[in-house]
Amino acid sequence: SRVEYGGGFILPGSLVEQCKGFQSASHKLGDIVTLKAEHEQFTKCVDGFFYYSPTGSQNAMVSPAVGDIRVSFTYVPDGPASVIALQTAAHDGGERDSFLPYRLISRSLFGLSEAEEKRRLRCQAEKLPSQLAAEAGCPGILAYLCCACNVVEHCFSGMLTPEVYHLFEGSHDAKGCLKVIRSRAGALTLGVRLAGWLMLFAGVYSLFSPFLTLLQVVPWLGPILSKGGSLLMCVLCFVCTALLACLIIIDAYLFFHPLTALLYGLVAGGIVAGAVALVSLMQ
């Protein structure tokens, strides 16, 4: 398919998929659509789909058989749209330019020339997810010393690549587009953190759960202690999970967002102080 954007760009398929105003194109097509290569004829039925049967059956819609094909055609009506991505020149002397993802690149201590920056941006934008995943993670022996972190880094670099590559229907300015992108990224970050916290809580609870079994074998007091012990164990696991999560976030933000790391450091200090105060009151 060929989707033109304005007078000088061609939209790649990955940006076309971000359009939301798709409509059925059956009313714009005839009753029969023929493939150029194999010359199969697809016949339009009352449901708006086009059907083809290798056996020549006319009842493919009512009673489909093995090998029958049903096809639908959709389109996005002409209208305004806003794209925020990396503008790239056409390949092989093409008529129109296109777009690629804007991704992070390594920059030297003294900066880059404009030509070198453009070259690196395009080189990084043209990489496949598998290539990005292969380049991520720790190099050399560090990949074995921190295997879990390395696996997570590979997965996130391949599936959740940090990039700016969005299409918005309607006319929007750059500030409005970036605001929407920031909110989406924030929601995704929160969802991933919640999932990580739940898994961390489950792991910590599994680590300390054998102690509940030890409490149950105490004569007479076992059932009473096990009930109270379950609640105490949940509180202890929650405190440990919150503390470990804060330490992980501090480690991630220390060099890039030091003020945010300091804020989480204060939260971790408050958790420790609260736990110490609670133990003192119990004594």
Protein backbone atom coordinates (compact mmCIF):
# COMPACT_ATOMS: atom_id res chain seq x y z
CA SER A 1 0.00 0.00 0.00
CA ARG A 2 1.07 3.60 -0.58
CA VAL A 3 -0.06 6.30 1.82
CA GLU A 4 1.05 9.84 1.05
CA TYR A 5 1.47 12.43 3.79
CA GLY A 6 1.32 15.99 2.59
CA GLY A 7 3.21 16.83 -0.53
CA GLY A 8 6.59 15.35 0.28
CA PHE A 9 6.34 12.23 2.45
CA ILE A 10 5.33 8.58 2.28
CA LEU A 11 3.99 7.05 5.49
CA PRO A 12 5.61 3.70 6.39
CA GLY A 13 3.32 0.83 7.28
CA SER A 14 4.14 0.99 11.01
CA LEU A 15 2.79 4.55 11.17
CA VAL A 16 -0.25 3.71 9.04
CA GLU A 17 -1.14 1.02 11.59
CA GLN A 18 -1.41 3.74 14.24
CA CYS A 19 -4.36 5.32 12.40
CA LYS A 20 -7.66 4.73 14.16
CA GLY A 21 -10.20 6.01 11.63
CA PHE A 22 -10.27 2.95 9.36
CA GLN A 23 -13.50 2.47 7.42
CA SER A 24 -14.78 -0.26 5.16
CA ALA A 25 -13.87 0.30 1.50
CA SER A 26 -16.36 -2.19 0.07
CA HIS A 27 -18.65 0.58 -1.18
CA LYS A 28 -15.74 2.07 -3.15
CA LEU A 29 -14.95 -1.23 -4.92
CA GLY A 30 -16.80 -3.21 -7.52
CA ASP A 31 -18.55 -6.52 -7.00
CA ILE A 32 -15.45 -8.47 -8.10
CA VAL A 33 -11.80 -7.92 -7.13
CA THR A 34 -9.15 -9.81 -9.11
CA LEU A 35 -5.58 -10.48 -7.95
CA LYS A 36 -2.93 -9.48 -10.45
CA ALA A 37 -0.59 -12.41 -9.81
CA GLU A 38 -2.84 -15.48 -9.69
CA HIS A 39 -5.99 -13.93 -11.20
CA GLU A 40 -8.25 -15.23 -8.43
CA GLN A 41 -11.59 -13.43 -8.36
CA PHE A 42 -13.05 -12.39 -5.01
CA THR A 43 -16.79 -11.78 -5.03
CA LYS A 44 -18.43 -9.25 -2.74
CA CYS A 45 -21.29 -10.47 -0.58
CA VAL A 46 -23.96 -8.66 1.42
CA ASP A 47 -21.81 -8.55 4.58
CA GLY A 48 -19.22 -6.35 2.83
CA PHE A 49 -16.54 -9.06 2.68
CA PHE A 50 -15.04 -10.53 -0.47
CA TYR A 51 -15.00 -14.32 -0.80
CA TYR A 52 -13.04 -16.74 -2.93
CA SER A 53 -13.49 -20.51 -3.15
CA PRO A 54 -10.97 -22.72 -5.00
CA THR A 55 -13.82 -25.09 -5.87
CA GLY A 56 -15.91 -22.33 -7.39
CA SER A 57 -18.60 -22.60 -4.73
CA GLN A 58 -21.05 -19.72 -4.52
CA ASN A 59 -21.90 -20.39 -0.88
CA ALA A 60 -18.55 -19.53 0.70
CA MET A 61 -20.23 -17.01 3.00
CA VAL A 62 -23.02 -19.32 4.19
CA SER A 63 -21.13 -22.63 4.39
CA PRO A 64 -17.37 -22.05 4.12
CA ALA A 65 -15.12 -25.00 3.37
CA VAL A 66 -11.44 -25.69 3.90
CA GLY A 67 -9.41 -23.47 1.55
CA ASP A 68 -12.03 -20.71 1.18
CA ILE A 69 -10.76 -17.16 1.68
CA ARG A 70 -12.52 -14.10 3.10
CA VAL A 71 -11.00 -10.66 2.61
CA SER A 72 -11.96 -7.18 3.76
CA PHE A 73 -10.64 -3.85 2.49
CA THR A 74 -10.37 -0.79 4.73
CA TYR A 75 -9.08 2.73 4.26
CA VAL A 76 -8.50 5.94 6.18
CA PRO A 77 -10.29 8.98 4.71
CA ASP A 78 -8.21 11.96 3.72
CA GLY A 79 -7.76 14.39 6.60
CA PRO A 80 -5.22 16.11 8.83
CA ALA A 81 -2.71 14.07 10.79
CA SER A 82 0.33 14.89 12.92
CA VAL A 83 3.53 12.84 12.81
CA ILE A 84 6.37 13.14 15.29
CA ALA A 85 9.32 11.02 14.19
CA LEU A 86 12.69 11.23 12.43
CA GLN A 87 12.43 12.68 8.93
CA THR A 88 14.60 10.74 6.49
CA ALA A 89 15.50 11.30 2.86
CA ALA A 90 14.18 8.90 0.24
CA HIS A 91 16.24 5.82 -0.58
CA ASP A 92 17.52 5.14 -4.11
CA GLY A 93 16.50 8.53 -5.42
CA GLY A 94 12.83 8.16 -4.59
CA GLU A 95 10.39 10.97 -5.12
CA ARG A 96 9.33 11.44 -1.51
CA ASP A 97 10.93 11.29 1.92
CA SER A 98 9.66 9.14 4.76
CA PHE A 99 9.86 8.67 8.54
CA LEU A 100 11.83 6.42 10.89
CA PRO A 101 11.89 6.07 14.69
CA TYR A 102 13.87 8.70 16.59
CA ARG A 103 16.10 6.74 18.98
CA LEU A 104 18.89 7.49 21.41
CA ILE A 105 22.42 7.61 20.02
CA SER A 106 25.80 7.78 21.69
CA ARG A 107 27.33 11.24 21.68
CA SER A 108 30.94 12.12 22.31
CA LEU A 109 32.03 14.34 25.18
CA PHE A 110 32.57 17.30 22.83
CA GLY A 111 29.43 16.79 20.75
CA LEU A 112 28.89 15.72 17.15
CA SER A 113 28.84 17.49 13.83
CA GLU A 114 25.45 17.84 12.19
CA ALA A 115 26.32 15.38 9.44
CA GLU A 116 27.59 12.76 11.89
CA GLU A 117 24.52 13.20 14.12
CA LYS A 118 22.21 12.63 11.15
CA ARG A 119 24.17 9.55 10.11
CA ARG A 120 24.01 8.02 13.59
CA LEU A 121 20.32 8.80 13.99
CA ARG A 122 19.47 7.11 10.70
CA CYS A 123 21.71 4.12 11.40
CA GLN A 124 20.06 3.60 14.79
CA ALA A 125 16.56 4.10 13.35
CA GLU A 126 17.05 1.44 10.67
CA LYS A 127 18.02 -1.28 13.14
CA LEU A 128 15.61 -4.15 13.69
CA PRO A 129 14.33 -5.02 17.19
CA SER A 130 16.49 -8.14 17.14
CA GLN A 131 19.58 -6.02 16.48
CA LEU A 132 18.72 -3.62 19.29
CA ALA A 133 18.22 -6.54 21.67
CA ALA A 134 21.56 -8.07 20.63
CA GLU A 135 23.38 -4.79 21.33
CA ALA A 136 21.75 -4.22 24.72
CA GLY A 137 22.91 -5.59 28.02
CA CYS A 138 26.29 -5.90 29.68
CA PRO A 139 29.38 -6.68 27.61
CA GLY A 140 31.82 -9.55 28.12
CA ILE A 141 31.97 -11.32 31.44
CA LEU A 142 29.54 -8.85 33.02
CA ALA A 143 26.75 -10.52 31.04
CA TYR A 144 27.33 -13.70 33.09
CA LEU A 145 27.85 -11.95 36.41
CA CYS A 146 24.52 -10.11 36.06
CA CYS A 147 22.58 -12.63 34.00
CA ALA A 148 19.08 -11.62 35.21
CA CYS A 149 19.63 -7.92 34.53
CA ASN A 150 21.09 -8.78 31.15
CA VAL A 151 18.07 -10.85 30.13
CA VAL A 152 15.68 -8.08 31.20
CA GLU A 153 17.72 -5.51 29.26
CA HIS A 154 17.59 -7.66 26.11
CA CYS A 155 13.82 -8.16 26.39
CA PHE A 156 13.00 -4.50 26.99
CA SER A 157 15.33 -3.27 24.24
CA GLY A 158 13.68 -5.56 21.71
CA MET A 159 10.02 -5.24 22.73
CA LEU A 160 9.76 -1.83 24.47
CA THR A 161 12.35 0.17 22.57
CA PRO A 162 12.55 3.79 23.79
CA GLU A 163 11.76 5.79 20.67
CA VAL A 164 9.67 8.67 19.33
CA TYR A 165 7.59 7.31 16.47
CA HIS A 166 3.95 8.33 16.62
CA LEU A 167 1.05 9.42 14.45
CA PHE A 168 -1.91 11.41 15.77
CA GLU A 169 -5.09 11.97 13.82
CA GLY A 170 -5.96 15.65 13.53
CA SER A 171 -3.78 18.73 13.68
CA HIS A 172 -1.61 18.99 16.81
CA ASP A 173 1.46 20.99 17.72
CA ALA A 174 4.71 19.38 18.85
CA LYS A 175 4.13 20.30 22.50
CA GLY A 176 0.74 18.60 22.55
CA CYS A 177 2.10 15.44 20.87
CA LEU A 178 4.99 15.19 23.34
CA LYS A 179 2.57 15.60 26.24
CA VAL A 180 0.52 12.63 25.03
CA ILE A 181 3.67 10.55 24.46
CA ARG A 182 4.89 11.39 27.97
CA SER A 183 1.58 10.36 29.52
CA ARG A 184 1.58 7.06 27.62
CA ALA A 185 5.15 6.34 28.67
CA GLY A 186 4.28 7.17 32.28
CA ALA A 187 1.33 4.79 32.25
CA LEU A 188 3.48 2.02 30.75
CA THR A 189 6.22 2.62 33.32
CA LEU A 190 3.71 2.48 36.17
CA GLY A 191 2.22 -0.76 34.84
CA VAL A 192 5.62 -2.41 34.53
CA ARG A 193 6.60 -1.27 38.03
CA LEU A 194 3.38 -2.58 39.55
CA ALA A 195 3.93 -5.95 37.87
CA GLY A 196 7.53 -5.97 39.14
CA TRP A 197 6.45 -5.07 42.67
CA LEU A 198 3.86 -7.85 42.72
CA MET A 199 6.41 -10.41 41.54
CA LEU A 200 8.94 -9.12 44.08
CA PHE A 201 6.35 -9.35 46.87
CA ALA A 202 5.47 -12.91 45.82
CA GLY A 203 9.15 -13.86 45.81
CA VAL A 204 9.83 -12.36 49.24
CA TYR A 205 6.71 -14.01 50.68
CA SER A 206 7.78 -17.37 49.24
CA LEU A 207 11.20 -16.87 50.83
CA PHE A 208 9.80 -16.32 54.34
CA SER A 209 6.73 -18.60 54.15
CA PRO A 210 8.54 -21.68 55.58
CA PHE A 211 8.64 -19.85 58.93
CA LEU A 212 4.83 -20.06 59.07
CA THR A 213 5.10 -23.84 58.95
CA LEU A 214 7.51 -23.75 61.91
CA LEU A 215 4.99 -21.71 63.92
CA GLN A 216 2.21 -24.21 63.25
CA VAL A 217 4.08 -27.08 64.91
CA VAL A 218 4.19 -25.28 68.28
CA PRO A 219 1.79 -27.16 70.61
CA TRP A 220 -1.44 -25.36 71.66
CA LEU A 221 -0.20 -21.97 70.50
CA GLY A 222 0.50 -23.05 66.93
CA PRO A 223 -2.90 -22.16 65.36
CA ILE A 224 -3.00 -18.79 67.17
CA LEU A 225 0.55 -17.86 66.22
CA SER A 226 0.07 -18.99 62.62
CA LYS A 227 -2.89 -16.61 62.16
CA GLY A 228 -1.08 -13.65 63.61
CA GLY A 229 2.11 -14.75 61.91
CA SER A 230 0.48 -14.61 58.48
CA LEU A 231 -0.46 -10.98 59.00
CA LEU A 232 2.96 -10.14 60.38
CA MET A 233 4.61 -11.94 57.48
CA CYS A 234 2.59 -9.94 54.94
CA VAL A 235 3.60 -6.68 56.64
CA LEU A 236 7.26 -7.73 56.71
CA CYS A 237 7.18 -8.75 53.03
CA PHE A 238 5.50 -5.47 52.08
CA VAL A 239 8.20 -3.45 53.89
CA CYS A 240 10.98 -5.50 52.27
CA THR A 241 9.37 -5.14 48.83
CA ALA A 242 9.00 -1.37 49.18
CA LEU A 243 12.59 -1.03 50.38
CA LEU A 244 14.05 -3.18 47.60
CA ALA A 245 11.95 -1.38 44.97
CA CYS A 246 13.22 1.99 46.18
CA LEU A 247 16.83 0.76 46.05
CA ILE A 248 16.35 -0.48 42.47
CA ILE A 249 14.81 2.83 41.39
CA ILE A 250 17.61 4.77 43.10
CA ASP A 251 20.18 2.71 41.21
CA ALA A 252 18.37 3.34 37.89
CA TYR A 253 17.93 7.11 38.41
CA LEU A 254 21.21 7.92 40.17
CA PHE A 255 23.12 9.18 37.13
CA PHE A 256 20.26 10.39 34.88
CA HIS A 257 17.79 11.88 37.42
CA PRO A 258 19.72 12.48 40.67
CA LEU A 259 16.93 14.54 42.26
CA THR A 260 14.43 11.73 41.67
CA ALA A 261 16.95 9.27 43.12
CA LEU A 262 17.29 11.52 46.18
CA LEU A 263 13.50 11.57 46.59
CA TYR A 264 13.31 7.77 46.54
CA GLY A 265 16.26 7.68 48.94
CA LEU A 266 14.24 9.74 51.39
CA VAL A 267 11.31 7.36 50.93
CA ALA A 268 13.59 4.37 51.63
CA GLY A 269 14.95 6.13 54.71
CA GLY A 270 11.41 6.75 55.92
CA ILE A 271 10.54 3.08 55.46
CA VAL A 272 13.58 2.01 57.50
CA ALA A 273 12.88 4.59 60.20
CA GLY A 274 9.23 3.51 60.39
CA ALA A 275 10.20 -0.17 60.68
CA VAL A 276 12.73 0.60 63.45
CA ALA A 277 10.16 2.72 65.34
CA LEU A 278 7.57 -0.06 65.05
CA VAL A 279 9.99 -2.64 66.44
CA SER A 280 10.87 -0.29 69.32
CA LEU A 281 7.20 0.16 70.24
CA MET A 282 6.63 -3.59 70.19
CA GLN A 283 9.51 -4.07 72.64
